Amino acid sequence: AESAFEVVVGAVLTQNTAWTNVERAIANLKAAGVLNSEALLS
């Protein structure tokens, strides 16, 4: 992960799935510019 916050998000997304799938989901969050606490909460 590139940050501690990304670890937090990844820890939930990795439940019962392969990490490659988590990487794709996190890439979506980064592309949408919402991989931060304030953006995700809103």
PDB file of all heavy atoms in Angstrom:
ATOM      1  N   ALA A   1       0.852  -1.195   0.000  1.00  0.00           N
ATOM      2  CA  ALA A   1       0.000   0.000   0.000  1.00  0.00           C
ATOM      3  C   ALA A   1       0.882   1.236   0.000  1.00  0.00           C
ATOM      4  O   ALA A   1       2.013   1.203   0.478  1.00  0.00           O
ATOM      5  CB  ALA A   1      -0.919   0.011   1.218  1.00  0.00           C
ATOM      6  N   GLU A   2       0.356   2.320  -0.533  1.00  0.00           N
ATOM      7  CA  GLU A   2       1.120   3.571  -0.610  1.00  0.00           C
ATOM      8  C   GLU A   2       0.921   4.454   0.614  1.00  0.00           C
ATOM      9  O   GLU A   2       1.626   5.448   0.782  1.00  0.00           O
ATOM     10  CB  GLU A   2       0.723   4.339  -1.875  1.00  0.00           C
ATOM     11  CG  GLU A   2       1.081   3.598  -3.166  1.00  0.00           C
ATOM     12  CD  GLU A   2       0.663   4.369  -4.400  1.00  0.00           C
ATOM     13  OE1 GLU A   2      -0.027   5.405  -4.245  1.00  0.00           O
ATOM     14  OE2 GLU A   2       1.029   3.944  -5.515  1.00  0.00           O
ATOM     15  N   SER A   3      -0.039   4.102   1.457  1.00  0.00           N
ATOM     16  CA  SER A   3      -0.302   4.906   2.653  1.00  0.00           C
ATOM     17  C   SER A   3      -1.003   4.048   3.690  1.00  0.00           C
ATOM     18  O   SER A   3      -1.551   2.979   3.381  1.00  0.00           O
ATOM     19  CB  SER A   3      -1.182   6.115   2.317  1.00  0.00           C
ATOM     20  OG  SER A   3      -2.492   5.687   1.948  1.00  0.00           O
ATOM     21  N   ALA A   4      -0.991   4.534   4.938  1.00  0.00           N
ATOM     22  CA  ALA A   4      -1.678   3.814   6.004  1.00  0.00           C
ATOM     23  C   ALA A   4      -3.185   3.773   5.756  1.00  0.00           C
ATOM     24  O   ALA A   4      -3.859   2.782   6.062  1.00  0.00           O
ATOM     25  CB  ALA A   4      -1.380   4.483   7.348  1.00  0.00           C
ATOM     26  N   PHE A   5      -3.733   4.841   5.184  1.00  0.00           N
ATOM     27  CA  PHE A   5      -5.167   4.851   4.904  1.00  0.00           C
ATOM     28  C   PHE A   5      -5.517   3.790   3.860  1.00  0.00           C
ATOM     29  O   PHE A   5      -6.570   3.149   3.942  1.00  0.00           O
ATOM     30  CB  PHE A   5      -5.616   6.230   4.415  1.00  0.00           C
ATOM     31  CG  PHE A   5      -7.103   6.325   4.218  1.00  0.00           C
ATOM     32  CD1 PHE A   5      -7.952   6.452   5.300  1.00  0.00           C
ATOM     33  CD2 PHE A   5      -7.657   6.287   2.940  1.00  0.00           C
ATOM     34  CE1 PHE A   5      -9.331   6.527   5.133  1.00  0.00           C
ATOM     35  CE2 PHE A   5      -9.025   6.364   2.760  1.00  0.00           C
ATOM     36  CZ  PHE A   5      -9.873   6.477   3.858  1.00  0.00           C
ATOM     37  N   GLU A   6      -4.647   3.610   2.891  1.00  0.00           N
ATOM     38  CA  GLU A   6      -4.882   2.574   1.885  1.00  0.00           C
ATOM     39  C   GLU A   6      -4.876   1.193   2.532  1.00  0.00           C
ATOM     40  O   GLU A   6      -5.601   0.292   2.093  1.00  0.00           O
ATOM     41  CB  GLU A   6      -3.815   2.657   0.797  1.00  0.00           C
ATOM     42  CG  GLU A   6      -4.093   1.754  -0.400  1.00  0.00           C
ATOM     43  CD  GLU A   6      -3.112   1.953  -1.535  1.00  0.00           C
ATOM     44  OE1 GLU A   6      -2.717   3.119  -1.775  1.00  0.00           O
ATOM     45  OE2 GLU A   6      -2.730   0.956  -2.174  1.00  0.00           O
ATOM     46  N   VAL A   7      -4.076   1.018   3.581  1.00  0.00           N
ATOM     47  CA  VAL A   7      -4.080  -0.245   4.330  1.00  0.00           C
ATOM     48  C   VAL A   7      -5.443  -0.473   4.962  1.00  0.00           C
ATOM     49  O   VAL A   7      -5.993  -1.579   4.913  1.00  0.00           O
ATOM     50  CB  VAL A   7      -2.986  -0.240   5.413  1.00  0.00           C
ATOM     51  CG1 VAL A   7      -3.133  -1.470   6.314  1.00  0.00           C
ATOM     52  CG2 VAL A   7      -1.607  -0.224   4.789  1.00  0.00           C
ATOM     53  N   VAL A   8      -6.002   0.568   5.565  1.00  0.00           N
ATOM     54  CA  VAL A   8      -7.315   0.472   6.213  1.00  0.00           C
ATOM     55  C   VAL A   8      -8.369   0.016   5.202  1.00  0.00           C
ATOM     56  O   VAL A   8      -9.143  -0.913   5.459  1.00  0.00           O
ATOM     57  CB  VAL A   8      -7.717   1.823   6.833  1.00  0.00           C
ATOM     58  CG1 VAL A   8      -9.166   1.778   7.328  1.00  0.00           C
ATOM     59  CG2 VAL A   8      -6.776   2.188   7.974  1.00  0.00           C
ATOM     60  N   VAL A   9      -8.389   0.666   4.053  1.00  0.00           N
ATOM     61  CA  VAL A   9      -9.364   0.320   3.013  1.00  0.00           C
ATOM     62  C   VAL A   9      -9.116  -1.094   2.511  1.00  0.00           C
ATOM     63  O   VAL A   9     -10.047  -1.907   2.379  1.00  0.00           O
ATOM     64  CB  VAL A   9      -9.284   1.332   1.852  1.00  0.00           C
ATOM     65  CG1 VAL A   9     -10.194   0.900   0.706  1.00  0.00           C
ATOM     66  CG2 VAL A   9      -9.662   2.728   2.335  1.00  0.00           C
ATOM     67  N   GLY A  10      -7.864  -1.421   2.248  1.00  0.00           N
ATOM     68  CA  GLY A  10      -7.533  -2.743   1.731  1.00  0.00           C
ATOM     69  C   GLY A  10      -7.858  -3.856   2.699  1.00  0.00           C
ATOM     70  O   GLY A  10      -8.224  -4.965   2.283  1.00  0.00           O
ATOM     71  N   ALA A  11      -7.750  -3.595   3.994  1.00  0.00           N
ATOM     72  CA  ALA A  11      -8.042  -4.617   4.992  1.00  0.00           C
ATOM     73  C   ALA A  11      -9.492  -5.069   4.934  1.00  0.00           C
ATOM     74  O   ALA A  11      -9.810  -6.227   5.221  1.00  0.00           O
ATOM     75  CB  ALA A  11      -7.709  -4.091   6.387  1.00  0.00           C
ATOM     76  N   VAL A  12     -10.380  -4.157   4.568  1.00  0.00           N
ATOM     77  CA  VAL A  12     -11.800  -4.520   4.414  1.00  0.00           C
ATOM     78  C   VAL A  12     -12.035  -5.193   3.063  1.00  0.00           C
ATOM     79  O   VAL A  12     -12.692  -6.233   2.980  1.00  0.00           O
ATOM     80  CB  VAL A  12     -12.698  -3.276   4.552  1.00  0.00           C
ATOM     81  CG1 VAL A  12     -14.159  -3.633   4.267  1.00  0.00           C
ATOM     82  CG2 VAL A  12     -12.561  -2.674   5.940  1.00  0.00           C
ATOM     83  N   LEU A  13     -11.479  -4.618   2.012  1.00  0.00           N
ATOM     84  CA  LEU A  13     -11.729  -5.138   0.671  1.00  0.00           C
ATOM     85  C   LEU A  13     -11.130  -6.521   0.452  1.00  0.00           C
ATOM     86  O   LEU A  13     -11.591  -7.277  -0.401  1.00  0.00           O
ATOM     87  CB  LEU A  13     -11.177  -4.170  -0.379  1.00  0.00           C
ATOM     88  CG  LEU A  13     -11.768  -2.755  -0.376  1.00  0.00           C
ATOM     89  CD1 LEU A  13     -11.185  -1.952  -1.529  1.00  0.00           C
ATOM     90  CD2 LEU A  13     -13.290  -2.800  -0.466  1.00  0.00           C
ATOM     91  N   THR A  14     -10.084  -6.873   1.218  1.00  0.00           N
ATOM     92  CA  THR A  14      -9.410  -8.150   1.009  1.00  0.00           C
ATOM     93  C   THR A  14     -10.142  -9.329   1.626  1.00  0.00           C
ATOM     94  O   THR A  14      -9.730 -10.476   1.435  1.00  0.00           O
ATOM     95  CB  THR A  14      -7.969  -8.090   1.556  1.00  0.00           C
ATOM     96  OG1 THR A  14      -7.219  -9.192   1.027  1.00  0.00           O
ATOM     97  CG2 THR A  14      -7.951  -8.152   3.077  1.00  0.00           C
ATOM     98  N   GLN A  15     -11.219  -9.070   2.356  1.00  0.00           N
ATOM     99  CA  GLN A  15     -11.958 -10.167   2.983  1.00  0.00           C
ATOM    100  C   GLN A  15     -12.501 -11.124   1.924  1.00  0.00           C
ATOM    101  O   GLN A  15     -13.258 -10.741   1.041  1.00  0.00           O
ATOM    102  CB  GLN A  15     -13.115  -9.615   3.829  1.00  0.00           C
ATOM    103  CG  GLN A  15     -12.656  -8.800   5.026  1.00  0.00           C
ATOM    104  CD  GLN A  15     -13.826  -8.154   5.761  1.00  0.00           C
ATOM    105  OE1 GLN A  15     -14.954  -8.104   5.259  1.00  0.00           O
ATOM    106  NE2 GLN A  15     -13.573  -7.643   6.948  1.00  0.00           N
ATOM    107  N   ASN A  16     -12.078 -12.383   2.014  1.00  0.00           N
ATOM    108  CA  ASN A  16     -12.586 -13.457   1.144  1.00  0.00           C
ATOM    109  C   ASN A  16     -12.402 -13.194  -0.344  1.00  0.00           C
ATOM    110  O   ASN A  16     -13.297 -13.494  -1.150  1.00  0.00           O
ATOM    111  CB  ASN A  16     -14.067 -13.734   1.439  1.00  0.00           C
ATOM    112  CG  ASN A  16     -14.288 -14.185   2.877  1.00  0.00           C
ATOM    113  OD1 ASN A  16     -13.532 -14.990   3.401  1.00  0.00           O
ATOM    114  ND2 ASN A  16     -15.308 -13.645   3.510  1.00  0.00           N
ATOM    115  N   THR A  17     -11.278 -12.649  -0.723  1.00  0.00           N
ATOM    116  CA  THR A  17     -11.012 -12.472  -2.151  1.00  0.00           C
ATOM    117  C   THR A  17      -9.514 -12.428  -2.386  1.00  0.00           C
ATOM    118  O   THR A  17      -8.731 -12.274  -1.440  1.00  0.00           O
ATOM    119  CB  THR A  17     -11.670 -11.188  -2.686  1.00  0.00           C
ATOM    120  OG1 THR A  17     -11.663 -11.211  -4.112  1.00  0.00           O
ATOM    121  CG2 THR A  17     -10.917  -9.942  -2.216  1.00  0.00           C
ATOM    122  N   ALA A  18      -9.100 -12.577  -3.627  1.00  0.00           N
ATOM    123  CA  ALA A  18      -7.689 -12.507  -3.980  1.00  0.00           C
ATOM    124  C   ALA A  18      -7.235 -11.054  -4.025  1.00  0.00           C
ATOM    125  O   ALA A  18      -8.010 -10.157  -4.368  1.00  0.00           O
ATOM    126  CB  ALA A  18      -7.453 -13.170  -5.337  1.00  0.00           C
ATOM    127  N   TRP A  19      -5.967 -10.822  -3.706  1.00  0.00           N
ATOM    128  CA  TRP A  19      -5.468  -9.457  -3.644  1.00  0.00           C
ATOM    129  C   TRP A  19      -5.528  -8.746  -4.996  1.00  0.00           C
ATOM    130  O   TRP A  19      -5.656  -7.527  -5.067  1.00  0.00           O
ATOM    131  CB  TRP A  19      -4.048  -9.426  -3.093  1.00  0.00           C
ATOM    132  CG  TRP A  19      -3.551  -8.032  -2.896  1.00  0.00           C
ATOM    133  CD1 TRP A  19      -2.680  -7.343  -3.683  1.00  0.00           C
ATOM    134  CD2 TRP A  19      -3.946  -7.132  -1.855  1.00  0.00           C
ATOM    135  NE1 TRP A  19      -2.494  -6.070  -3.201  1.00  0.00           N
ATOM    136  CE2 TRP A  19      -3.258  -5.908  -2.079  1.00  0.00           C
ATOM    137  CE3 TRP A  19      -4.799  -7.244  -0.759  1.00  0.00           C
ATOM    138  CZ2 TRP A  19      -3.399  -4.813  -1.240  1.00  0.00           C
ATOM    139  CZ3 TRP A  19      -4.940  -6.139   0.069  1.00  0.00           C
ATOM    140  CH2 TRP A  19      -4.258  -4.946  -0.174  1.00  0.00           C
ATOM    141  N   THR A  20      -5.423  -9.489  -6.075  1.00  0.00           N
ATOM    142  CA  THR A  20      -5.503  -8.867  -7.395  1.00  0.00           C
ATOM    143  C   THR A  20      -6.837  -8.150  -7.572  1.00  0.00           C
ATOM    144  O   THR A  20      -6.905  -7.097  -8.229  1.00  0.00           O
ATOM    145  CB  THR A  20      -5.324  -9.916  -8.503  1.00  0.00           C
ATOM    146  OG1 THR A  20      -6.227 -11.013  -8.274  1.00  0.00           O
ATOM    147  CG2 THR A  20      -3.899 -10.449  -8.527  1.00  0.00           C
ATOM    148  N   ASN A  21      -7.904  -8.695  -6.996  1.00  0.00           N
ATOM    149  CA  ASN A  21      -9.217  -8.047  -7.069  1.00  0.00           C
ATOM    150  C   ASN A  21      -9.244  -6.770  -6.228  1.00  0.00           C
ATOM    151  O   ASN A  21      -9.859  -5.770  -6.611  1.00  0.00           O
ATOM    152  CB  ASN A  21     -10.307  -9.009  -6.587  1.00  0.00           C
ATOM    153  CG  ASN A  21     -10.422 -10.230  -7.478  1.00  0.00           C
ATOM    154  OD1 ASN A  21     -10.138 -10.175  -8.669  1.00  0.00           O
ATOM    155  ND2 ASN A  21     -10.815 -11.350  -6.893  1.00  0.00           N
ATOM    156  N   VAL A  22      -8.571  -6.819  -5.086  1.00  0.00           N
ATOM    157  CA  VAL A  22      -8.485  -5.637  -4.226  1.00  0.00           C
ATOM    158  C   VAL A  22      -7.729  -4.523  -4.947  1.00  0.00           C
ATOM    159  O   VAL A  22      -8.125  -3.348  -4.887  1.00  0.00           O
ATOM    160  CB  VAL A  22      -7.779  -5.984  -2.899  1.00  0.00           C
ATOM    161  CG1 VAL A  22      -7.651  -4.741  -2.020  1.00  0.00           C
ATOM    162  CG2 VAL A  22      -8.537  -7.079  -2.168  1.00  0.00           C
ATOM    163  N   GLU A  23      -6.661  -4.880  -5.624  1.00  0.00           N
ATOM    164  CA  GLU A  23      -5.872  -3.879  -6.360  1.00  0.00           C
ATOM    165  C   GLU A  23      -6.721  -3.153  -7.399  1.00  0.00           C
ATOM    166  O   GLU A  23      -6.588  -1.945  -7.595  1.00  0.00           O
ATOM    167  CB  GLU A  23      -4.683  -4.546  -7.021  1.00  0.00           C
ATOM    168  CG  GLU A  23      -3.606  -4.996  -6.041  1.00  0.00           C
ATOM    169  CD  GLU A  23      -2.457  -5.690  -6.730  1.00  0.00           C
ATOM    170  OE1 GLU A  23      -2.706  -6.392  -7.739  1.00  0.00           O
ATOM    171  OE2 GLU A  23      -1.304  -5.540  -6.279  1.00  0.00           O
ATOM    172  N   ARG A  24      -7.596  -3.902  -8.064  1.00  0.00           N
ATOM    173  CA  ARG A  24      -8.469  -3.286  -9.072  1.00  0.00           C
ATOM    174  C   ARG A  24      -9.456  -2.328  -8.419  1.00  0.00           C
ATOM    175  O   ARG A  24      -9.733  -1.239  -8.944  1.00  0.00           O
ATOM    176  CB  ARG A  24      -9.200  -4.373  -9.853  1.00  0.00           C
ATOM    177  CG  ARG A  24      -8.290  -5.204 -10.755  1.00  0.00           C
ATOM    178  CD  ARG A  24      -8.967  -6.475 -11.208  1.00  0.00           C
ATOM    179  NE  ARG A  24     -10.250  -6.207 -11.847  1.00  0.00           N
ATOM    180  CZ  ARG A  24     -11.247  -7.083 -11.908  1.00  0.00           C
ATOM    181  NH1 ARG A  24     -11.130  -8.282 -11.341  1.00  0.00           N
ATOM    182  NH2 ARG A  24     -12.363  -6.760 -12.530  1.00  0.00           N
ATOM    183  N   ALA A  25      -9.993  -2.727  -7.271  1.00  0.00           N
ATOM    184  CA  ALA A  25     -10.946  -1.864  -6.564  1.00  0.00           C
ATOM    185  C   ALA A  25     -10.257  -0.592  -6.067  1.00  0.00           C
ATOM    186  O   ALA A  25     -10.800   0.515  -6.195  1.00  0.00           O
ATOM    187  CB  ALA A  25     -11.572  -2.623  -5.393  1.00  0.00           C
ATOM    188  N   ILE A  26      -9.072  -0.741  -5.507  1.00  0.00           N
ATOM    189  CA  ILE A  26      -8.333   0.428  -5.017  1.00  0.00           C
ATOM    190  C   ILE A  26      -7.947   1.337  -6.182  1.00  0.00           C
ATOM    191  O   ILE A  26      -7.975   2.571  -6.063  1.00  0.00           O
ATOM    192  CB  ILE A  26      -7.098  -0.015  -4.215  1.00  0.00           C
ATOM    193  CG1 ILE A  26      -7.542  -0.626  -2.880  1.00  0.00           C
ATOM    194  CG2 ILE A  26      -6.145   1.157  -3.970  1.00  0.00           C
ATOM    195  CD1 ILE A  26      -6.420  -1.138  -2.016  1.00  0.00           C
ATOM    196  N   ALA A  27      -7.598   0.738  -7.313  1.00  0.00           N
ATOM    197  CA  ALA A  27      -7.286   1.541  -8.505  1.00  0.00           C
ATOM    198  C   ALA A  27      -8.498   2.369  -8.917  1.00  0.00           C
ATOM    199  O   ALA A  27      -8.359   3.529  -9.334  1.00  0.00           O
ATOM    200  CB  ALA A  27      -6.847   0.626  -9.643  1.00  0.00           C
ATOM    201  N   ASN A  28      -9.702   1.800  -8.796  1.00  0.00           N
ATOM    202  CA  ASN A  28     -10.929   2.549  -9.103  1.00  0.00           C
ATOM    203  C   ASN A  28     -11.080   3.753  -8.168  1.00  0.00           C
ATOM    204  O   ASN A  28     -11.441   4.854  -8.600  1.00  0.00           O
ATOM    205  CB  ASN A  28     -12.151   1.643  -8.950  1.00  0.00           C
ATOM    206  CG  ASN A  28     -12.302   0.672 -10.094  1.00  0.00           C
ATOM    207  OD1 ASN A  28     -11.632   0.782 -11.120  1.00  0.00           O
ATOM    208  ND2 ASN A  28     -13.182  -0.305  -9.938  1.00  0.00           N
ATOM    209  N   LEU A  29     -10.811   3.523  -6.872  1.00  0.00           N
ATOM    210  CA  LEU A  29     -10.938   4.600  -5.894  1.00  0.00           C
ATOM    211  C   LEU A  29      -9.932   5.710  -6.178  1.00  0.00           C
ATOM    212  O   LEU A  29     -10.249   6.899  -6.075  1.00  0.00           O
ATOM    213  CB  LEU A  29     -10.734   4.046  -4.479  1.00  0.00           C
ATOM    214  CG  LEU A  29     -11.787   3.041  -3.989  1.00  0.00           C
ATOM    215  CD1 LEU A  29     -11.372   2.459  -2.646  1.00  0.00           C
ATOM    216  CD2 LEU A  29     -13.160   3.692  -3.880  1.00  0.00           C
ATOM    217  N   LYS A  30      -8.723   5.321  -6.548  1.00  0.00           N
ATOM    218  CA  LYS A  30      -7.696   6.316  -6.866  1.00  0.00           C
ATOM    219  C   LYS A  30      -8.073   7.104  -8.128  1.00  0.00           C
ATOM    220  O   LYS A  30      -7.918   8.328  -8.177  1.00  0.00           O
ATOM    221  CB  LYS A  30      -6.348   5.636  -7.058  1.00  0.00           C
ATOM    222  CG  LYS A  30      -5.739   5.090  -5.768  1.00  0.00           C
ATOM    223  CD  LYS A  30      -4.394   4.433  -6.034  1.00  0.00           C
ATOM    224  CE  LYS A  30      -3.748   3.960  -4.736  1.00  0.00           C
ATOM    225  NZ  LYS A  30      -2.444   3.284  -4.961  1.00  0.00           N
ATOM    226  N   ALA A  31      -8.555   6.382  -9.144  1.00  0.00           N
ATOM    227  CA  ALA A  31      -8.922   7.042 -10.397  1.00  0.00           C
ATOM    228  C   ALA A  31     -10.065   8.028 -10.187  1.00  0.00           C
ATOM    229  O   ALA A  31     -10.131   9.072 -10.848  1.00  0.00           O
ATOM    230  CB  ALA A  31      -9.305   5.999 -11.438  1.00  0.00           C
ATOM    231  N   ALA A  32     -10.958   7.705  -9.255  1.00  0.00           N
ATOM    232  CA  ALA A  32     -12.088   8.592  -8.960  1.00  0.00           C
ATOM    233  C   ALA A  32     -11.695   9.717  -8.002  1.00  0.00           C
ATOM    234  O   ALA A  32     -12.502  10.609  -7.722  1.00  0.00           O
ATOM    235  CB  ALA A  32     -13.238   7.784  -8.362  1.00  0.00           C
ATOM    236  N   GLY A  33     -10.466   9.660  -7.500  1.00  0.00           N
ATOM    237  CA  GLY A  33      -9.993  10.703  -6.596  1.00  0.00           C
ATOM    238  C   GLY A  33     -10.646  10.698  -5.233  1.00  0.00           C
ATOM    239  O   GLY A  33     -10.783  11.747  -4.599  1.00  0.00           O
ATOM    240  N   VAL A  34     -11.049   9.493  -4.761  1.00  0.00           N
ATOM    241  CA  VAL A  34     -11.772   9.435  -3.488  1.00  0.00           C
ATOM    242  C   VAL A  34     -11.070   8.576  -2.436  1.00  0.00           C
ATOM    243  O   VAL A  34     -11.683   8.218  -1.429  1.00  0.00           O
ATOM    244  CB  VAL A  34     -13.213   8.897  -3.702  1.00  0.00           C
ATOM    245  CG1 VAL A  34     -14.027   9.855  -4.538  1.00  0.00           C
ATOM    246  CG2 VAL A  34     -13.198   7.497  -4.323  1.00  0.00           C
ATOM    247  N   LEU A  35      -9.797   8.263  -2.655  1.00  0.00           N
ATOM    248  CA  LEU A  35      -9.105   7.430  -1.686  1.00  0.00           C
ATOM    249  C   LEU A  35      -8.574   8.274  -0.522  1.00  0.00           C
ATOM    250  O   LEU A  35      -7.378   8.379  -0.274  1.00  0.00           O
ATOM    251  CB  LEU A  35      -7.964   6.645  -2.342  1.00  0.00           C
ATOM    252  CG  LEU A  35      -7.332   5.536  -1.476  1.00  0.00           C
ATOM    253  CD1 LEU A  35      -8.391   4.554  -1.010  1.00  0.00           C
ATOM    254  CD2 LEU A  35      -6.224   4.831  -2.217  1.00  0.00           C
ATOM    255  N   ASN A  36      -9.503   8.891   0.165  1.00  0.00           N
ATOM    256  CA  ASN A  36      -9.205   9.625   1.389  1.00  0.00           C
ATOM    257  C   ASN A  36     -10.462   9.606   2.254  1.00  0.00           C
ATOM    258  O   ASN A  36     -11.573   9.385   1.757  1.00  0.00           O
ATOM    259  CB  ASN A  36      -8.746  11.053   1.098  1.00  0.00           C
ATOM    260  CG  ASN A  36      -9.796  11.881   0.403  1.00  0.00           C
ATOM    261  OD1 ASN A  36     -10.744  12.369   1.019  1.00  0.00           O
ATOM    262  ND2 ASN A  36      -9.666  12.036  -0.925  1.00  0.00           N
ATOM    263  N   SER A  37     -10.284   9.825   3.530  1.00  0.00           N
ATOM    264  CA  SER A  37     -11.376   9.680   4.481  1.00  0.00           C
ATOM    265  C   SER A  37     -12.552  10.601   4.172  1.00  0.00           C
ATOM    266  O   SER A  37     -13.709  10.175   4.142  1.00  0.00           O
ATOM    267  CB  SER A  37     -10.866   9.941   5.902  1.00  0.00           C
ATOM    268  OG  SER A  37     -11.906   9.814   6.842  1.00  0.00           O
ATOM    269  N   GLU A  38     -12.278  11.861   3.949  1.00  0.00           N
ATOM    270  CA  GLU A  38     -13.346  12.839   3.721  1.00  0.00           C
ATOM    271  C   GLU A  38     -14.173  12.505   2.482  1.00  0.00           C
ATOM    272  O   GLU A  38     -15.412  12.535   2.516  1.00  0.00           O
ATOM    273  CB  GLU A  38     -12.748  14.230   3.574  1.00  0.00           C
ATOM    274  CG  GLU A  38     -13.790  15.327   3.415  1.00  0.00           C
ATOM    275  CD  GLU A  38     -13.173  16.711   3.317  1.00  0.00           C
ATOM    276  OE1 GLU A  38     -11.935  16.818   3.428  1.00  0.00           O
ATOM    277  OE2 GLU A  38     -13.930  17.680   3.130  1.00  0.00           O
ATOM    278  N   ALA A  39     -13.499  12.147   1.385  1.00  0.00           N
ATOM    279  CA  ALA A  39     -14.212  11.850   0.137  1.00  0.00           C
ATOM    280  C   ALA A  39     -15.057  10.594   0.269  1.00  0.00           C
ATOM    281  O   ALA A  39     -16.208  10.552  -0.180  1.00  0.00           O
ATOM    282  CB  ALA A  39     -13.215  11.704  -1.004  1.00  0.00           C
ATOM    283  N   LEU A  40     -14.510   9.558   0.894  1.00  0.00           N
ATOM    284  CA  LEU A  40     -15.255   8.304   1.022  1.00  0.00           C
ATOM    285  C   LEU A  40     -16.441   8.458   1.957  1.00  0.00           C
ATOM    286  O   LEU A  40     -17.499   7.851   1.745  1.00  0.00           O
ATOM    287  CB  LEU A  40     -14.328   7.192   1.518  1.00  0.00           C
ATOM    288  CG  LEU A  40     -13.314   6.667   0.503  1.00  0.00           C
ATOM    289  CD1 LEU A  40     -12.413   5.605   1.125  1.00  0.00           C
ATOM    290  CD2 LEU A  40     -14.027   6.082  -0.726  1.00  0.00           C
ATOM    291  N   LEU A  41     -16.285   9.270   3.002  1.00  0.00           N
ATOM    292  CA  LEU A  41     -17.399   9.480   3.929  1.00  0.00           C
ATOM    293  C   LEU A  41     -18.554  10.226   3.272  1.00  0.00           C
ATOM    294  O   LEU A  41     -19.712  10.053   3.656  1.00  0.00           O
ATOM    295  CB  LEU A  41     -16.908  10.250   5.157  1.00  0.00           C
ATOM    296  CG  LEU A  41     -16.134   9.441   6.200  1.00  0.00           C
ATOM    297  CD1 LEU A  41     -15.497  10.360   7.235  1.00  0.00           C
ATOM    298  CD2 LEU A  41     -17.047   8.428   6.885  1.00  0.00           C
ATOM    299  N   SER A  42     -18.253  11.050   2.294  1.00  0.00           N
ATOM    300  CA  SER A  42     -19.303  11.831   1.631  1.00  0.00           C
ATOM    301  C   SER A  42     -19.864  11.121   0.401  1.00  0.00           C
ATOM    302  O   SER A  42     -20.849  11.583  -0.191  1.00  0.00           O
ATOM    303  CB  SER A  42     -18.749  13.202   1.219  1.00  0.00           C
ATOM    304  OG  SER A  42     -17.701  13.060   0.279  1.00  0.00           O
TER     305      SER A  42
END
